[in-house]
Each structure stands twice: as C-alpha cells, then as structure tokens.
Amino acid sequence: KFLNINKRIESLHFITGIQLNNMIVLDRIVSFEQEIQNSVFAKGKSDSVRKALMELEKYGHRLYGCFHIHPGIGPGSNLPSHIDLNLQKNLDRGNYKALYAIFTRDGYVRFYSSQKFEIQIYGTGVNTINKGELYHVEIS
C-alpha cells in the first residue's frame, strides 16, 4: 500500500532489514527525496540518495532492496525497464547489490537481482505466479 499511496505517480524507495544467518528479513522502508516523479518515471535526488545510503552505513545497516511501482496493471506491467536495469547496474557498481521489486497498481510484484536469491513470503493474501519471480498480493 505504501508504494501505491498516490495512484498517479511512480514511487521509489530503498529497503533494509536484518540478516539472520543466510536469511535477510526486509522490514524497513528508506525514503529519499525525488528529483523527478511522475506517472511513468521516478528518480531520486542524487544528494538525497547518497545521504540515505550513508545513513544506512553509519548505523550498520545495509541496502537490501530497491522497490518501486509502475503505473500499469497486470503481470506484464512490471517488467524492468532499461532505466530500472541502469539503476541496478549503478548500484551494483557501488557495491550495493540489492533485490529489486517492481509492483503494479493491481498487486503484482516482480523480483529481480544480479545476485542469486530465493524469496519466502510470509502471511496471507499472496499468490505465487512464478516462484521466485512473480507474485500477486491481494489488495484490500
């Protein structure tokens, strides 16, 4: 729901959490100022993104995820764009190898990363479409 507060614009956020052995629990959204934010594009202000990453490191947290929402509906609306893949490459170069998720307005979520990963989703209302990649979250 957080990503879908303003149904007319894209929303982009970092995610952190805790690591327990080989499992990472994503549980905290890290927001930063947006330089551009419209119906089909979101870009963080460079200085605000840098500050958010420095704050994570300052307190011993790591960037584990980068989540955003696309404007469309349906499972084909959340494929990573060239802009999404460029963001991933840039963060990877900075040694921020994260899990990426793209949500749709109607509850589909697609995960991808340059690293090998396995998803375990807890709770009700989540349907697996393609294990490890595509899910549908019931929106109330």
Protein backbone atom coordinates (compact mmCIF):
# COMPACT_ATOMS: atom_id res chain seq x y z
CA LYS A 1 0.00 0.00 0.00
CA PHE A 2 2.85 2.40 0.79
CA LEU A 3 4.09 2.47 -2.80
CA ASN A 4 0.56 2.99 -4.09
CA ILE A 5 -0.43 5.99 -1.91
CA ASN A 6 -0.52 8.40 -4.84
CA LYS A 7 -2.03 6.41 -7.67
CA ARG A 8 -0.89 8.91 -10.31
CA ILE A 9 2.89 8.80 -9.81
CA GLU A 10 5.69 6.29 -9.54
CA SER A 11 7.25 5.81 -6.13
CA LEU A 12 10.81 4.61 -5.46
CA HIS A 13 12.27 3.53 -2.10
CA PHE A 14 15.17 1.60 -0.63
CA ILE A 15 14.62 -1.32 1.74
CA THR A 16 16.76 -2.51 4.62
CA GLY A 17 16.33 -5.09 7.34
CA ILE A 18 18.26 -7.63 9.34
CA GLN A 19 20.33 -10.62 8.36
CA LEU A 20 19.79 -13.82 10.32
CA ASN A 21 22.33 -16.42 9.19
CA ASN A 22 21.69 -16.83 5.44
CA MET A 23 18.28 -15.13 5.53
CA ILE A 24 17.61 -11.42 5.14
CA VAL A 25 14.36 -10.08 6.55
CA LEU A 26 13.26 -6.95 4.70
CA ASP A 27 11.34 -4.80 7.15
CA ARG A 28 12.16 -1.10 6.82
CA ILE A 29 11.49 1.37 4.02
CA VAL A 30 14.14 4.04 3.50
CA SER A 31 12.77 7.07 1.68
CA PHE A 32 14.68 9.83 -0.04
CA GLU A 33 13.76 12.97 -1.96
CA GLN A 34 12.67 12.53 -5.54
CA GLU A 35 14.17 14.71 -8.26
CA ILE A 36 11.61 13.60 -10.81
CA GLN A 37 8.38 11.83 -10.00
CA ASN A 38 5.55 11.47 -12.50
CA SER A 39 3.18 8.84 -13.86
CA VAL A 40 5.89 6.86 -15.68
CA PHE A 41 9.18 7.76 -14.02
CA ALA A 42 10.78 8.33 -10.63
CA LYS A 43 14.34 9.40 -9.95
CA GLY A 44 15.86 10.18 -6.58
CA LYS A 45 17.84 13.37 -5.99
CA SER A 46 21.50 12.33 -6.10
CA ASP A 47 22.42 14.06 -2.84
CA SER A 48 19.39 12.62 -1.04
CA VAL A 49 20.12 9.09 -2.32
CA ARG A 50 23.76 9.45 -1.25
CA LYS A 51 22.66 10.70 2.19
CA ALA A 52 20.24 7.76 2.60
CA LEU A 53 22.99 5.26 1.73
CA MET A 54 25.46 6.96 4.07
CA GLU A 55 22.90 6.91 6.91
CA LEU A 56 22.41 3.17 6.41
CA GLU A 57 26.16 2.57 6.61
CA LYS A 58 26.59 4.93 9.56
CA TYR A 59 24.27 2.80 11.67
CA GLY A 60 25.48 -0.56 10.40
CA HIS A 61 22.54 -1.22 8.10
CA ARG A 62 22.77 -2.40 4.51
CA LEU A 63 20.80 -1.70 1.40
CA TYR A 64 18.97 -4.94 0.70
CA GLY A 65 16.23 -3.80 -1.65
CA CYS A 66 15.09 -1.18 -4.10
CA PHE A 67 11.32 -1.24 -4.61
CA HIS A 68 9.11 0.85 -6.84
CA ILE A 69 5.74 0.84 -8.53
CA HIS A 70 4.89 1.01 -12.21
CA PRO A 71 1.75 2.76 -13.42
CA GLY A 72 0.17 -0.18 -15.26
CA ILE A 73 -1.87 -3.18 -14.25
CA GLY A 74 -1.35 -6.87 -14.86
CA PRO A 75 1.71 -9.13 -14.69
CA GLY A 76 3.25 -7.71 -17.89
CA SER A 77 3.32 -4.18 -16.46
CA ASN A 78 6.17 -4.77 -14.06
CA LEU A 79 8.98 -5.94 -16.30
CA PRO A 80 12.18 -3.96 -15.56
CA SER A 81 12.72 -1.09 -17.99
CA HIS A 82 16.14 -0.04 -19.29
CA ILE A 83 16.01 2.72 -16.65
CA ASP A 84 15.40 0.13 -13.91
CA LEU A 85 18.28 -2.01 -15.18
CA ASN A 86 20.60 1.02 -15.34
CA LEU A 87 19.77 1.85 -11.71
CA GLN A 88 20.61 -1.74 -10.80
CA LYS A 89 23.95 -1.57 -12.67
CA ASN A 90 24.86 1.74 -10.99
CA LEU A 91 24.06 0.46 -7.50
CA ASP A 92 25.88 -2.81 -8.23
CA ARG A 93 28.98 -0.80 -9.23
CA GLY A 94 28.80 0.98 -5.87
CA ASN A 95 28.73 -2.46 -4.17
CA TYR A 96 25.03 -2.13 -3.32
CA LYS A 97 23.90 -5.46 -4.67
CA ALA A 98 20.22 -5.41 -3.82
CA LEU A 99 16.99 -7.23 -4.53
CA TYR A 100 14.71 -5.23 -6.82
CA ALA A 101 10.92 -5.38 -6.83
CA ILE A 102 8.51 -3.72 -9.20
CA PHE A 103 4.87 -3.55 -8.15
CA THR A 104 1.78 -2.87 -10.26
CA ARG A 105 -1.31 -0.92 -9.23
CA ASP A 106 -3.34 -4.13 -9.04
CA GLY A 107 -0.98 -6.09 -6.77
CA TYR A 108 1.51 -7.93 -8.97
CA VAL A 109 5.13 -7.85 -7.80
CA ARG A 110 8.18 -8.98 -9.77
CA PHE A 111 11.59 -9.56 -8.13
CA TYR A 112 14.98 -9.50 -9.86
CA SER A 113 18.65 -9.05 -8.95
CA SER A 114 22.15 -9.53 -10.29
CA GLN A 115 22.68 -11.88 -7.34
CA LYS A 116 21.18 -15.32 -6.82
CA PHE A 117 18.21 -15.06 -4.44
CA GLU A 118 15.29 -17.01 -3.03
CA ILE A 119 12.04 -15.42 -1.89
CA GLN A 120 10.00 -16.58 1.08
CA ILE A 121 6.85 -14.54 1.64
CA TYR A 122 5.02 -14.89 4.95
CA GLY A 123 1.40 -14.07 5.61
CA THR A 124 -1.86 -14.46 3.77
CA GLY A 125 -3.11 -12.93 0.56
CA VAL A 126 -0.04 -13.66 -1.56
CA ASN A 127 -0.37 -15.93 -4.59
CA THR A 128 2.64 -17.35 -6.40
CA ILE A 129 2.52 -16.87 -10.16
CA ASN A 130 6.13 -17.79 -10.99
CA LYS A 131 8.07 -18.87 -7.88
CA GLY A 132 11.00 -16.62 -7.10
CA GLU A 133 9.99 -14.00 -9.63
CA LEU A 134 6.30 -13.09 -9.89
CA TYR A 135 3.61 -12.90 -7.21
CA HIS A 136 0.20 -11.36 -6.75
CA VAL A 137 -0.71 -9.62 -3.48
CA GLU A 138 -4.41 -9.25 -2.69
CA ILE A 139 -5.15 -5.57 -2.26
CA SER A 140 -7.89 -4.59 0.15
